[in-house]
Amino acid sequence: MLSTMYGSKTFSKSGTITLPHKWREQFGLVPGRLAELVYQNNCIYIKRAVKDSTHNKRYVSEKGTVHIPKELREEMGMAHQSPYYLIVNETDNCFMISREK
Protein backbone atom coordinates (compact mmCIF):
# COMPACT_ATOMS: atom_id res chain seq x y z
CA MET A 1 0.00 0.00 0.00
CA LEU A 2 1.42 3.35 -1.04
CA SER A 3 0.53 5.71 1.77
CA THR A 4 1.88 8.97 3.11
CA MET A 5 1.57 10.33 6.63
CA TYR A 6 0.28 13.83 5.95
CA GLY A 7 0.50 15.03 9.52
CA SER A 8 -0.77 15.05 13.04
CA LYS A 9 -3.66 17.35 13.87
CA THR A 10 -6.38 17.73 16.48
CA PHE A 11 -10.12 17.49 15.99
CA SER A 12 -11.99 20.77 16.03
CA LYS A 13 -15.01 21.17 18.26
CA SER A 14 -17.30 20.62 15.25
CA GLY A 15 -15.37 17.56 14.02
CA THR A 16 -14.45 19.12 10.68
CA ILE A 17 -11.16 18.25 8.98
CA THR A 18 -9.49 19.70 5.90
CA LEU A 19 -8.39 17.31 3.17
CA PRO A 20 -5.16 18.28 1.35
CA HIS A 21 -5.93 19.82 -2.05
CA LYS A 22 -3.43 17.81 -4.09
CA TRP A 23 -4.92 14.43 -3.17
CA ARG A 24 -8.48 15.66 -2.79
CA GLU A 25 -8.61 16.37 -6.53
CA GLN A 26 -6.79 13.15 -7.41
CA PHE A 27 -9.31 11.11 -5.37
CA GLY A 28 -12.36 12.88 -6.84
CA LEU A 29 -13.27 14.59 -3.57
CA VAL A 30 -13.97 18.00 -5.07
CA PRO A 31 -16.32 20.57 -3.51
CA GLY A 32 -19.96 19.58 -3.79
CA ARG A 33 -19.24 15.85 -4.15
CA LEU A 34 -20.18 13.30 -1.55
CA ALA A 35 -17.47 11.64 0.49
CA GLU A 36 -18.08 8.26 2.07
CA LEU A 37 -16.88 7.74 5.64
CA VAL A 38 -16.24 4.20 6.83
CA TYR A 39 -15.00 3.14 10.27
CA GLN A 40 -12.91 -0.02 9.91
CA ASN A 41 -9.77 -1.44 11.56
CA ASN A 42 -9.62 1.46 14.08
CA CYS A 43 -9.47 3.99 11.24
CA ILE A 44 -11.93 6.25 9.49
CA TYR A 45 -11.62 5.94 5.71
CA ILE A 46 -12.69 8.92 3.59
CA LYS A 47 -13.24 8.20 -0.08
CA ARG A 48 -15.46 9.18 -2.97
CA ALA A 49 -18.98 7.93 -2.31
CA VAL A 50 -20.48 5.18 -4.41
CA LYS A 51 -24.13 5.29 -5.36
CA ASP A 52 -25.59 2.32 -3.48
CA SER A 53 -23.47 2.52 -0.36
CA THR A 54 -25.13 2.63 3.06
CA HIS A 55 -22.11 4.19 4.81
CA ASN A 56 -22.06 7.70 6.24
CA LYS A 57 -21.83 10.34 3.54
CA ARG A 58 -20.89 14.00 3.81
CA TYR A 59 -20.39 16.73 1.23
CA VAL A 60 -16.94 18.18 0.61
CA SER A 61 -17.14 21.93 1.25
CA GLU A 62 -15.77 24.72 -0.94
CA LYS A 63 -12.75 24.88 1.38
CA GLY A 64 -12.13 21.13 1.09
CA THR A 65 -13.41 20.24 4.53
CA VAL A 66 -15.45 17.22 5.58
CA HIS A 67 -17.44 16.85 8.78
CA ILE A 68 -16.73 13.63 10.64
CA PRO A 69 -19.99 12.55 12.34
CA LYS A 70 -19.98 12.46 16.12
CA GLU A 71 -20.91 8.76 16.20
CA LEU A 72 -17.80 7.86 14.16
CA ARG A 73 -15.57 10.05 16.34
CA GLU A 74 -17.00 8.45 19.48
CA GLU A 75 -16.62 4.93 18.09
CA MET A 76 -12.97 5.74 17.47
CA GLY A 77 -12.61 7.21 20.98
CA MET A 78 -12.00 10.74 19.71
CA ALA A 79 -13.17 13.95 21.34
CA HIS A 80 -12.65 17.69 20.84
CA GLN A 81 -8.90 18.38 20.58
CA SER A 82 -8.02 14.67 20.32
CA PRO A 83 -4.88 14.22 18.24
CA TYR A 84 -5.09 12.14 15.07
CA TYR A 85 -2.98 11.24 12.04
CA LEU A 86 -4.18 12.01 8.53
CA ILE A 87 -2.84 9.41 6.13
CA VAL A 88 -3.00 9.64 2.33
CA ASN A 89 -3.57 6.20 0.77
CA GLU A 90 -2.83 6.55 -2.94
CA THR A 91 -3.32 2.83 -3.61
CA ASP A 92 -6.99 2.95 -2.57
CA ASN A 93 -7.58 6.63 -3.45
CA CYS A 94 -8.66 7.59 0.03
CA PHE A 95 -7.70 9.39 3.19
CA MET A 96 -7.43 7.62 6.53
CA ILE A 97 -7.78 9.06 9.99
CA SER A 98 -5.90 7.08 12.59
CA ARG A 99 -5.73 7.70 16.28
CA GLU A 100 -2.45 9.13 17.49
CA LYS A 101 -0.78 6.80 19.98
PDB file of N, CA and C in Angstrom:
ATOM      1  N   MET A   1       0.852  -1.176   0.000  1.00  0.00           N
ATOM      2  CA  MET A   1       0.000   0.000   0.000  1.00  0.00           C
ATOM      3  C   MET A   1       0.890   1.229   0.000  1.00  0.00           C
ATOM      4  N   LEU A   2       0.690   2.098  -0.963  1.00  0.00           N
ATOM      5  CA  LEU A   2       1.417   3.348  -1.038  1.00  0.00           C
ATOM      6  C   LEU A   2       0.655   4.382  -0.229  1.00  0.00           C
ATOM      7  N   SER A   3       1.197   4.727   0.938  1.00  0.00           N
ATOM      8  CA  SER A   3       0.528   5.712   1.774  1.00  0.00           C
ATOM      9  C   SER A   3       1.541   6.687   2.343  1.00  0.00           C
ATOM     10  N   THR A   4       1.051   7.889   2.611  1.00  0.00           N
ATOM     11  CA  THR A   4       1.875   8.967   3.115  1.00  0.00           C
ATOM     12  C   THR A   4       1.248   9.525   4.377  1.00  0.00           C
ATOM     13  N   MET A   5       2.052   9.678   5.413  1.00  0.00           N
ATOM     14  CA  MET A   5       1.574  10.327   6.627  1.00  0.00           C
ATOM     15  C   MET A   5       1.565  11.823   6.341  1.00  0.00           C
ATOM     16  N   TYR A   6       0.377  12.409   6.269  1.00  0.00           N
ATOM     17  CA  TYR A   6       0.278  13.833   5.954  1.00  0.00           C
ATOM     18  C   TYR A   6       0.589  14.680   7.168  1.00  0.00           C
ATOM     19  N   GLY A   7       0.182  14.251   8.334  1.00  0.00           N
ATOM     20  CA  GLY A   7       0.496  15.025   9.517  1.00  0.00           C
ATOM     21  C   GLY A   7      -0.389  14.673  10.682  1.00  0.00           C
ATOM     22  N   SER A   8      -0.018  15.234  11.818  1.00  0.00           N
ATOM     23  CA  SER A   8      -0.773  15.051  13.040  1.00  0.00           C
ATOM     24  C   SER A   8      -1.538  16.330  13.315  1.00  0.00           C
ATOM     25  N   LYS A   9      -2.806  16.199  13.607  1.00  0.00           N
ATOM     26  CA  LYS A   9      -3.662  17.351  13.867  1.00  0.00           C
ATOM     27  C   LYS A   9      -4.545  17.030  15.065  1.00  0.00           C
ATOM     28  N   THR A  10      -5.400  17.992  15.448  1.00  0.00           N
ATOM     29  CA  THR A  10      -6.383  17.732  16.485  1.00  0.00           C
ATOM     30  C   THR A  10      -7.769  18.029  15.934  1.00  0.00           C
ATOM     31  N   PHE A  11      -8.755  17.276  16.425  1.00  0.00           N
ATOM     32  CA  PHE A  11     -10.124  17.485  15.991  1.00  0.00           C
ATOM     33  C   PHE A  11     -10.634  18.831  16.499  1.00  0.00           C
ATOM     34  N   SER A  12     -11.334  19.529  15.627  1.00  0.00           N
ATOM     35  CA  SER A  12     -11.985  20.769  16.031  1.00  0.00           C
ATOM     36  C   SER A  12     -13.224  20.415  16.831  1.00  0.00           C
ATOM     37  N   LYS A  13     -13.807  21.392  17.454  1.00  0.00           N
ATOM     38  CA  LYS A  13     -15.014  21.169  18.258  1.00  0.00           C
ATOM     39  C   LYS A  13     -16.142  20.602  17.400  1.00  0.00           C
ATOM     40  N   SER A  14     -16.226  21.059  16.146  1.00  0.00           N
ATOM     41  CA  SER A  14     -17.300  20.617  15.253  1.00  0.00           C
ATOM     42  C   SER A  14     -16.994  19.287  14.565  1.00  0.00           C
ATOM     43  N   GLY A  15     -15.739  18.824  14.647  1.00  0.00           N
ATOM     44  CA  GLY A  15     -15.371  17.557  14.025  1.00  0.00           C
ATOM     45  C   GLY A  15     -15.070  17.678  12.539  1.00  0.00           C
ATOM     46  N   THR A  16     -14.747  18.882  12.095  1.00  0.00           N
ATOM     47  CA  THR A  16     -14.446  19.116  10.681  1.00  0.00           C
ATOM     48  C   THR A  16     -12.945  19.005  10.446  1.00  0.00           C
ATOM     49  N   ILE A  17     -12.581  18.328   9.357  1.00  0.00           N
ATOM     50  CA  ILE A  17     -11.164  18.247   8.981  1.00  0.00           C
ATOM     51  C   ILE A  17     -10.999  18.748   7.550  1.00  0.00           C
ATOM     52  N   THR A  18      -9.798  19.229   7.247  1.00  0.00           N
ATOM     53  CA  THR A  18      -9.486  19.704   5.900  1.00  0.00           C
ATOM     54  C   THR A  18      -8.663  18.639   5.185  1.00  0.00           C
ATOM     55  N   LEU A  19      -9.111  18.295   3.988  1.00  0.00           N
ATOM     56  CA  LEU A  19      -8.394  17.315   3.170  1.00  0.00           C
ATOM     57  C   LEU A  19      -7.411  18.052   2.264  1.00  0.00           C
ATOM     58  N   PRO A  20      -6.166  17.611   2.181  1.00  0.00           N
ATOM     59  CA  PRO A  20      -5.158  18.285   1.353  1.00  0.00           C
ATOM     60  C   PRO A  20      -5.586  18.351  -0.120  1.00  0.00           C
ATOM     61  N   HIS A  21      -5.456  19.524  -0.694  1.00  0.00           N
ATOM     62  CA  HIS A  21      -5.930  19.823  -2.054  1.00  0.00           C
ATOM     63  C   HIS A  21      -5.378  18.867  -3.107  1.00  0.00           C
ATOM     64  N   LYS A  22      -4.076  18.643  -3.074  1.00  0.00           N
ATOM     65  CA  LYS A  22      -3.426  17.807  -4.092  1.00  0.00           C
ATOM     66  C   LYS A  22      -4.115  16.449  -4.243  1.00  0.00           C
ATOM     67  N   TRP A  23      -4.337  15.763  -3.134  1.00  0.00           N
ATOM     68  CA  TRP A  23      -4.922  14.429  -3.174  1.00  0.00           C
ATOM     69  C   TRP A  23      -6.443  14.477  -3.274  1.00  0.00           C
ATOM     70  N   ARG A  24      -7.029  15.500  -2.720  1.00  0.00           N
ATOM     71  CA  ARG A  24      -8.480  15.657  -2.794  1.00  0.00           C
ATOM     72  C   ARG A  24      -8.932  15.616  -4.245  1.00  0.00           C
ATOM     73  N   GLU A  25      -8.268  16.354  -5.098  1.00  0.00           N
ATOM     74  CA  GLU A  25      -8.607  16.374  -6.526  1.00  0.00           C
ATOM     75  C   GLU A  25      -8.313  15.020  -7.166  1.00  0.00           C
ATOM     76  N   GLN A  26      -7.186  14.443  -6.843  1.00  0.00           N
ATOM     77  CA  GLN A  26      -6.790  13.149  -7.409  1.00  0.00           C
ATOM     78  C   GLN A  26      -7.797  12.058  -7.047  1.00  0.00           C
ATOM     79  N   PHE A  27      -8.369  12.128  -5.846  1.00  0.00           N
ATOM     80  CA  PHE A  27      -9.308  11.109  -5.372  1.00  0.00           C
ATOM     81  C   PHE A  27     -10.758  11.416  -5.748  1.00  0.00           C
ATOM     82  N   GLY A  28     -10.999  12.537  -6.434  1.00  0.00           N
ATOM     83  CA  GLY A  28     -12.358  12.884  -6.842  1.00  0.00           C
ATOM     84  C   GLY A  28     -13.207  13.465  -5.726  1.00  0.00           C
ATOM     85  N   LEU A  29     -12.561  13.998  -4.705  1.00  0.00           N
ATOM     86  CA  LEU A  29     -13.270  14.587  -3.575  1.00  0.00           C
ATOM     87  C   LEU A  29     -13.302  16.107  -3.713  1.00  0.00           C
ATOM     88  N   VAL A  30     -13.898  16.563  -4.783  1.00  0.00           N
ATOM     89  CA  VAL A  30     -13.967  17.995  -5.071  1.00  0.00           C
ATOM     90  C   VAL A  30     -15.192  18.596  -4.392  1.00  0.00           C
ATOM     91  N   PRO A  31     -15.180  19.919  -4.166  1.00  0.00           N
ATOM     92  CA  PRO A  31     -16.317  20.568  -3.510  1.00  0.00           C
ATOM     93  C   PRO A  31     -17.645  20.219  -4.163  1.00  0.00           C
ATOM     94  N   GLY A  32     -18.627  19.922  -3.311  1.00  0.00           N
ATOM     95  CA  GLY A  32     -19.959  19.580  -3.789  1.00  0.00           C
ATOM     96  C   GLY A  32     -20.183  18.093  -3.991  1.00  0.00           C
ATOM     97  N   ARG A  33     -19.117  17.311  -4.000  1.00  0.00           N
ATOM     98  CA  ARG A  33     -19.245  15.852  -4.150  1.00  0.00           C
ATOM     99  C   ARG A  33     -19.405  15.206  -2.785  1.00  0.00           C
ATOM    100  N   LEU A  34     -20.016  14.045  -2.789  1.00  0.00           N
ATOM    101  CA  LEU A  34     -20.175  13.296  -1.550  1.00  0.00           C
ATOM    102  C   LEU A  34     -18.938  12.458  -1.255  1.00  0.00           C
ATOM    103  N   ALA A  35     -18.539  12.500  -0.010  1.00  0.00           N
ATOM    104  CA  ALA A  35     -17.469  11.645   0.491  1.00  0.00           C
ATOM    105  C   ALA A  35     -18.121  10.571   1.355  1.00  0.00           C
ATOM    106  N   GLU A  36     -17.590   9.372   1.270  1.00  0.00           N
ATOM    107  CA  GLU A  36     -18.081   8.261   2.072  1.00  0.00           C
ATOM    108  C   GLU A  36     -17.133   8.073   3.240  1.00  0.00           C
ATOM    109  N   LEU A  37     -17.676   7.921   4.432  1.00  0.00           N
ATOM    110  CA  LEU A  37     -16.875   7.736   5.636  1.00  0.00           C
ATOM    111  C   LEU A  37     -17.163   6.363   6.218  1.00  0.00           C
ATOM    112  N   VAL A  38     -16.101   5.574   6.353  1.00  0.00           N
ATOM    113  CA  VAL A  38     -16.244   4.198   6.831  1.00  0.00           C
ATOM    114  C   VAL A  38     -15.295   3.983   8.004  1.00  0.00           C
ATOM    115  N   TYR A  39     -15.838   3.493   9.129  1.00  0.00           N
ATOM    116  CA  TYR A  39     -15.001   3.139  10.270  1.00  0.00           C
ATOM    117  C   TYR A  39     -14.663   1.654  10.165  1.00  0.00           C
ATOM    118  N   GLN A  40     -13.365   1.367  10.083  1.00  0.00           N
ATOM    119  CA  GLN A  40     -12.911  -0.016   9.911  1.00  0.00           C
ATOM    120  C   GLN A  40     -11.473  -0.113  10.398  1.00  0.00           C
ATOM    121  N   ASN A  41     -11.144  -1.191  11.089  1.00  0.00           N
ATOM    122  CA  ASN A  41      -9.773  -1.438  11.558  1.00  0.00           C
ATOM    123  C   ASN A  41      -9.207  -0.262  12.361  1.00  0.00           C
ATOM    124  N   ASN A  42     -10.024   0.334  13.232  1.00  0.00           N
ATOM    125  CA  ASN A  42      -9.619   1.455  14.084  1.00  0.00           C
ATOM    126  C   ASN A  42      -9.222   2.697  13.298  1.00  0.00           C
ATOM    127  N   CYS A  43      -9.715   2.824  12.077  1.00  0.00           N
ATOM    128  CA  CYS A  43      -9.469   3.995  11.235  1.00  0.00           C
ATOM    129  C   CYS A  43     -10.779   4.465  10.624  1.00  0.00           C
ATOM    130  N   ILE A  44     -10.829   5.728  10.271  1.00  0.00           N
ATOM    131  CA  ILE A  44     -11.935   6.246   9.486  1.00  0.00           C
ATOM    132  C   ILE A  44     -11.387   6.463   8.082  1.00  0.00           C
ATOM    133  N   TYR A  45     -12.018   5.802   7.107  1.00  0.00           N
ATOM    134  CA  TYR A  45     -11.622   5.940   5.714  1.00  0.00           C
ATOM    135  C   TYR A  45     -12.532   6.972   5.056  1.00  0.00           C
ATOM    136  N   ILE A  46     -11.938   7.885   4.305  1.00  0.00           N
ATOM    137  CA  ILE A  46     -12.693   8.916   3.592  1.00  0.00           C
ATOM    138  C   ILE A  46     -12.394   8.747   2.114  1.00  0.00           C
ATOM    139  N   LYS A  47     -13.434   8.423   1.350  1.00  0.00           N
ATOM    140  CA  LYS A  47     -13.240   8.202  -0.083  1.00  0.00           C
ATOM    141  C   LYS A  47     -14.460   8.710  -0.840  1.00  0.00           C
ATOM    142  N   ARG A  48     -14.339   8.745  -2.139  1.00  0.00           N
ATOM    143  CA  ARG A  48     -15.458   9.180  -2.973  1.00  0.00           C
ATOM    144  C   ARG A  48     -16.622   8.212  -2.798  1.00  0.00           C
ATOM    145  N   ALA A  49     -17.808   8.764  -2.573  1.00  0.00           N
ATOM    146  CA  ALA A  49     -18.983   7.934  -2.314  1.00  0.00           C
ATOM    147  C   ALA A  49     -19.416   7.177  -3.559  1.00  0.00           C
ATOM    148  N   VAL A  50     -19.888   5.968  -3.329  1.00  0.00           N
ATOM    149  CA  VAL A  50     -20.479   5.179  -4.409  1.00  0.00           C
ATOM    150  C   VAL A  50     -21.994   5.199  -4.225  1.00  0.00           C
ATOM    151  N   LYS A  51     -22.684   5.085  -5.315  1.00  0.00           N
ATOM    152  CA  LYS A  51     -24.133   5.290  -5.364  1.00  0.00           C
ATOM    153  C   LYS A  51     -24.930   4.471  -4.348  1.00  0.00           C
ATOM    154  N   ASP A  52     -24.739   3.187  -4.304  1.00  0.00           N
ATOM    155  CA  ASP A  52     -25.595   2.323  -3.484  1.00  0.00           C
ATOM    156  C   ASP A  52     -25.053   2.035  -2.088  1.00  0.00           C
ATOM    157  N   SER A  53     -24.066   2.755  -1.659  1.00  0.00           N
ATOM    158  CA  SER A  53     -23.466   2.523  -0.356  1.00  0.00           C
ATOM    159  C   SER A  53     -24.410   2.967   0.768  1.00  0.00           C
ATOM    160  N   THR A  54     -24.335   2.258   1.889  1.00  0.00           N
ATOM    161  CA  THR A  54     -25.125   2.626   3.059  1.00  0.00           C
ATOM    162  C   THR A  54     -24.265   3.265   4.149  1.00  0.00           C
ATOM    163  N   HIS A  55     -23.007   3.560   3.842  1.00  0.00           N
ATOM    164  CA  HIS A  55     -22.112   4.190   4.815  1.00  0.00           C
ATOM    165  C   HIS A  55     -22.457   5.668   4.978  1.00  0.00           C
ATOM    166  N   ASN A  56     -21.908   6.265   6.028  1.00  0.00           N
ATOM    167  CA  ASN A  56     -22.064   7.704   6.240  1.00  0.00           C
ATOM    168  C   ASN A  56     -21.554   8.454   5.030  1.00  0.00           C
ATOM    169  N   LYS A  57     -22.268   9.500   4.658  1.00  0.00           N
ATOM    170  CA  LYS A  57     -21.835  10.342   3.543  1.00  0.00           C
ATOM    171  C   LYS A  57     -21.915  11.801   3.968  1.00  0.00           C
ATOM    172  N   ARG A  58     -20.936  12.570   3.535  1.00  0.00           N
ATOM    173  CA  ARG A  58     -20.893  14.003   3.813  1.00  0.00           C
ATOM    174  C   ARG A  58     -20.386  14.707   2.565  1.00  0.00           C
ATOM    175  N   TYR A  59     -20.863  15.933   2.356  1.00  0.00           N
ATOM    176  CA  TYR A  59     -20.391  16.733   1.228  1.00  0.00           C
ATOM    177  C   TYR A  59     -19.034  17.345   1.536  1.00  0.00           C
ATOM    178  N   VAL A  60     -18.208  17.471   0.511  1.00  0.00           N
ATOM    179  CA  VAL A  60     -16.940  18.180   0.607  1.00  0.00           C
ATOM    180  C   VAL A  60     -17.266  19.662   0.406  1.00  0.00           C
ATOM    181  N   SER A  61     -16.822  20.506   1.326  1.00  0.00           N
ATOM    182  CA  SER A  61     -17.137  21.932   1.254  1.00  0.00           C
ATOM    183  C   SER A  61     -16.261  22.647   0.228  1.00  0.00           C
ATOM    184  N   GLU A  62     -16.571  23.888  -0.024  1.00  0.00           N
ATOM    185  CA  GLU A  62     -15.774  24.719  -0.940  1.00  0.00           C
ATOM    186  C   GLU A  62     -14.323  24.845  -0.476  1.00  0.00           C
ATOM    187  N   LYS A  63     -14.106  24.766   0.824  1.00  0.00           N
ATOM    188  CA  LYS A  63     -12.754  24.875   1.383  1.00  0.00           C
ATOM    189  C   LYS A  63     -12.060  23.520   1.500  1.00  0.00           C
ATOM    190  N   GLY A  64     -12.729  22.463   1.048  1.00  0.00           N
ATOM    191  CA  GLY A  64     -12.125  21.132   1.094  1.00  0.00           C
ATOM    192  C   GLY A  64     -12.230  20.457   2.443  1.00  0.00           C
ATOM    193  N   THR A  65     -13.232  20.856   3.223  1.00  0.00           N
ATOM    194  CA  THR A  65     -13.407  20.238   4.525  1.00  0.00           C
ATOM    195  C   THR A  65     -14.516  19.191   4.476  1.00  0.00           C
ATOM    196  N   VAL A  66     -14.435  18.263   5.419  1.00  0.00           N
ATOM    197  CA  VAL A  66     -15.447  17.221   5.575  1.00  0.00           C
ATOM    198  C   VAL A  66     -15.754  17.109   7.065  1.00  0.00           C
ATOM    199  N   HIS A  67     -17.027  17.028   7.385  1.00  0.00           N
ATOM    200  CA  HIS A  67     -17.441  16.851   8.777  1.00  0.00           C
ATOM    201  C   HIS A  67     -17.449  15.370   9.115  1.00  0.00           C
ATOM    202  N   ILE A  68     -16.741  15.014  10.181  1.00  0.00           N
ATOM    203  CA  ILE A  68     -16.725  13.634  10.645  1.00  0.00           C
ATOM    204  C   ILE A  68     -17.850  13.510  11.685  1.00  0.00           C
ATOM    205  N   PRO A  69     -18.855  12.676  11.423  1.00  0.00           N
ATOM    206  CA  PRO A  69     -19.987  12.553  12.342  1.00  0.00           C
ATOM    207  C   PRO A  69     -19.561  12.168  13.762  1.00  0.00           C
ATOM    208  N   LYS A  70     -20.287  12.695  14.707  1.00  0.00           N
ATOM    209  CA  LYS A  70     -19.985  12.457  16.121  1.00  0.00           C
ATOM    210  C   LYS A  70     -19.940  10.967  16.448  1.00  0.00           C
ATOM    211  N   GLU A  71     -20.880  10.193  15.882  1.00  0.00           N
ATOM    212  CA  GLU A  71     -20.905   8.764  16.204  1.00  0.00           C
ATOM    213  C   GLU A  71     -19.639   8.041  15.741  1.00  0.00           C
ATOM    214  N   LEU A  72     -19.057   8.475  14.613  1.00  0.00           N
ATOM    215  CA  LEU A  72     -17.797   7.863  14.163  1.00  0.00           C
ATOM    216  C   LEU A  72     -16.639   8.289  15.061  1.00  0.00           C
ATOM    217  N   ARG A  73     -16.627   9.572  15.440  1.00  0.00           N
ATOM    218  CA  ARG A  73     -15.569  10.049  16.344  1.00  0.00           C
ATOM    219  C   ARG A  73     -15.635   9.328  17.684  1.00  0.00           C
ATOM    220  N   GLU A  74     -16.850   9.142  18.195  1.00  0.00           N
ATOM    221  CA  GLU A  74     -17.002   8.453  19.480  1.00  0.00           C
ATOM    222  C   GLU A  74     -16.602   6.982  19.374  1.00  0.00           C
ATOM    223  N   GLU A  75     -16.980   6.337  18.287  1.00  0.00           N
ATOM    224  CA  GLU A  75     -16.615   4.934  18.092  1.00  0.00           C
ATOM    225  C   GLU A  75     -15.097   4.769  18.065  1.00  0.00           C
ATOM    226  N   MET A  76     -14.426   5.768  17.555  1.00  0.00           N
ATOM    227  CA  MET A  76     -12.972   5.743  17.466  1.00  0.00           C
ATOM    228  C   MET A  76     -12.322   6.208  18.774  1.00  0.00           C
ATOM    229  N   GLY A  77     -13.133   6.721  19.705  1.00  0.00           N
ATOM    230  CA  GLY A  77     -12.609   7.206  20.978  1.00  0.00           C
ATOM    231  C   GLY A  77     -12.018   8.595  20.883  1.00  0.00           C
ATOM    232  N   MET A  78     -12.522   9.392  19.936  1.00  0.00           N
ATOM    233  CA  MET A  78     -11.995  10.740  19.706  1.00  0.00           C
ATOM    234  C   MET A  78     -12.946  11.789  20.271  1.00  0.00           C
ATOM    235  N   ALA A  79     -12.386  12.841  20.810  1.00  0.00           N
ATOM    236  CA  ALA A  79     -13.170  13.954  21.335  1.00  0.00           C
ATOM    237  C   ALA A  79     -12.554  15.255  20.827  1.00  0.00           C
ATOM    238  N   HIS A  80     -13.171  16.376  21.193  1.00  0.00           N
ATOM    239  CA  HIS A  80     -12.648  17.692  20.843  1.00  0.00           C
ATOM    240  C   HIS A  80     -11.179  17.770  21.270  1.00  0.00           C
ATOM    241  N   GLN A  81     -10.339  18.213  20.366  1.00  0.00           N
ATOM    242  CA  GLN A  81      -8.898  18.378  20.576  1.00  0.00           C
ATOM    243  C   GLN A  81      -8.124  17.062  20.668  1.00  0.00           C
ATOM    244  N   SER A  82      -8.761  15.934  20.356  1.00  0.00           N
ATOM    245  CA  SER A  82      -8.024  14.667  20.324  1.00  0.00           C
ATOM    246  C   SER A  82      -7.062  14.674  19.138  1.00  0.00           C
ATOM    247  N   PRO A  83      -5.825  14.266  19.350  1.00  0.00           N
ATOM    248  CA  PRO A  83      -4.876  14.218  18.236  1.00  0.00           C
ATOM    249  C   PRO A  83      -5.150  13.021  17.329  1.00  0.00           C
ATOM    250  N   TYR A  84      -4.916  13.216  16.045  1.00  0.00           N
ATOM    251  CA  TYR A  84      -5.086  12.139  15.068  1.00  0.00           C
ATOM    252  C   TYR A  84      -4.063  12.300  13.959  1.00  0.00           C
ATOM    253  N   TYR A  85      -3.835  11.217  13.224  1.00  0.00           N
ATOM    254  CA  TYR A  85      -2.982  11.243  12.044  1.00  0.00           C
ATOM    255  C   TYR A  85      -3.865  11.234  10.809  1.00  0.00           C
ATOM    256  N   LEU A  86      -3.524  12.047   9.832  1.00  0.00           N
ATOM    257  CA  LEU A  86      -4.181  12.011   8.535  1.00  0.00           C
ATOM    258  C   LEU A  86      -3.216  11.323   7.578  1.00  0.00           C
ATOM    259  N   ILE A  87      -3.670  10.215   7.012  1.00  0.00           N
ATOM    260  CA  ILE A  87      -2.841   9.408   6.129  1.00  0.00           C
ATOM    261  C   ILE A  87      -3.437   9.440   4.729  1.00  0.00           C
ATOM    262  N   VAL A  88      -2.586   9.629   3.729  1.00  0.00           N
ATOM    263  CA  VAL A  88      -3.000   9.638   2.331  1.00  0.00           C
ATOM    264  C   VAL A  88      -2.689   8.257   1.760  1.00  0.00           C
ATOM    265  N   ASN A  89      -3.727   7.550   1.320  1.00  0.00           N
ATOM    266  CA  ASN A  89      -3.575   6.203   0.775  1.00  0.00           C
ATOM    267  C   ASN A  89      -3.809   6.284  -0.736  1.00  0.00           C
ATOM    268  N   GLU A  90      -2.723   6.393  -1.489  1.00  0.00           N
ATOM    269  CA  GLU A  90      -2.828   6.546  -2.944  1.00  0.00           C
ATOM    270  C   GLU A  90      -3.202   5.240  -3.648  1.00  0.00           C
ATOM    271  N   THR A  91      -2.961   4.113  -3.011  1.00  0.00           N
ATOM    272  CA  THR A  91      -3.323   2.835  -3.605  1.00  0.00           C
ATOM    273  C   THR A  91      -4.843   2.701  -3.704  1.00  0.00           C
ATOM    274  N   ASP A  92      -5.536   3.076  -2.625  1.00  0.00           N
ATOM    275  CA  ASP A  92      -6.995   2.946  -2.566  1.00  0.00           C
ATOM    276  C   ASP A  92      -7.732   4.263  -2.808  1.00  0.00           C
ATOM    277  N   ASN A  93      -6.990   5.313  -3.186  1.00  0.00           N
ATOM    278  CA  ASN A  93      -7.582   6.634  -3.455  1.00  0.00           C
ATOM    279  C   ASN A  93      -8.462   7.111  -2.317  1.00  0.00           C
ATOM    280  N   CYS A  94      -7.888   7.123  -1.124  1.00  0.00           N
ATOM    281  CA  CYS A  94      -8.661   7.586   0.027  1.00  0.00           C
ATOM    282  C   CYS A  94      -7.744   8.207   1.074  1.00  0.00           C
ATOM    283  N   PHE A  95      -8.383   8.877   2.012  1.00  0.00           N
ATOM    284  CA  PHE A  95      -7.700   9.388   3.192  1.00  0.00           C
ATOM    285  C   PHE A  95      -8.058   8.472   4.340  1.00  0.00           C
ATOM    286  N   MET A  96      -7.171   8.419   5.334  1.00  0.00           N
ATOM    287  CA  MET A  96      -7.425   7.622   6.527  1.00  0.00           C
ATOM    288  C   MET A  96      -7.134   8.485   7.745  1.00  0.00           C
ATOM    289  N   ILE A  97      -8.008   8.389   8.717  1.00  0.00           N
ATOM    290  CA  ILE A  97      -7.779   9.056   9.986  1.00  0.00           C
ATOM    291  C   ILE A  97      -7.482   7.955  10.996  1.00  0.00           C
ATOM    292  N   SER A  98      -6.328   8.073  11.623  1.00  0.00           N
ATOM    293  CA  SER A  98      -5.903   7.084  12.594  1.00  0.00           C
ATOM    294  C   SER A  98      -5.638   7.794  13.911  1.00  0.00           C
ATOM    295  N   ARG A  99      -5.953   7.121  14.957  1.00  0.00           N
ATOM    296  CA  ARG A  99      -5.734   7.701  16.279  1.00  0.00           C
ATOM    297  C   ARG A  99      -4.252   7.800  16.585  1.00  0.00           C
ATOM    298  N   GLU A 100      -3.842   8.941  17.108  1.00  0.00           N
ATOM    299  CA  GLU A 100      -2.445   9.131  17.490  1.00  0.00           C
ATOM    300  C   GLU A 100      -2.182   8.349  18.766  1.00  0.00           C
ATOM    301  N   LYS A 101      -1.101   7.632  18.795  1.00  0.00           N
ATOM    302  CA  LYS A 101      -0.784   6.804  19.978  1.00  0.00           C
ATOM    303  C   LYS A 101       0.291   7.429  20.805  1.00  0.00           C
TER     304      LYS A 101
END
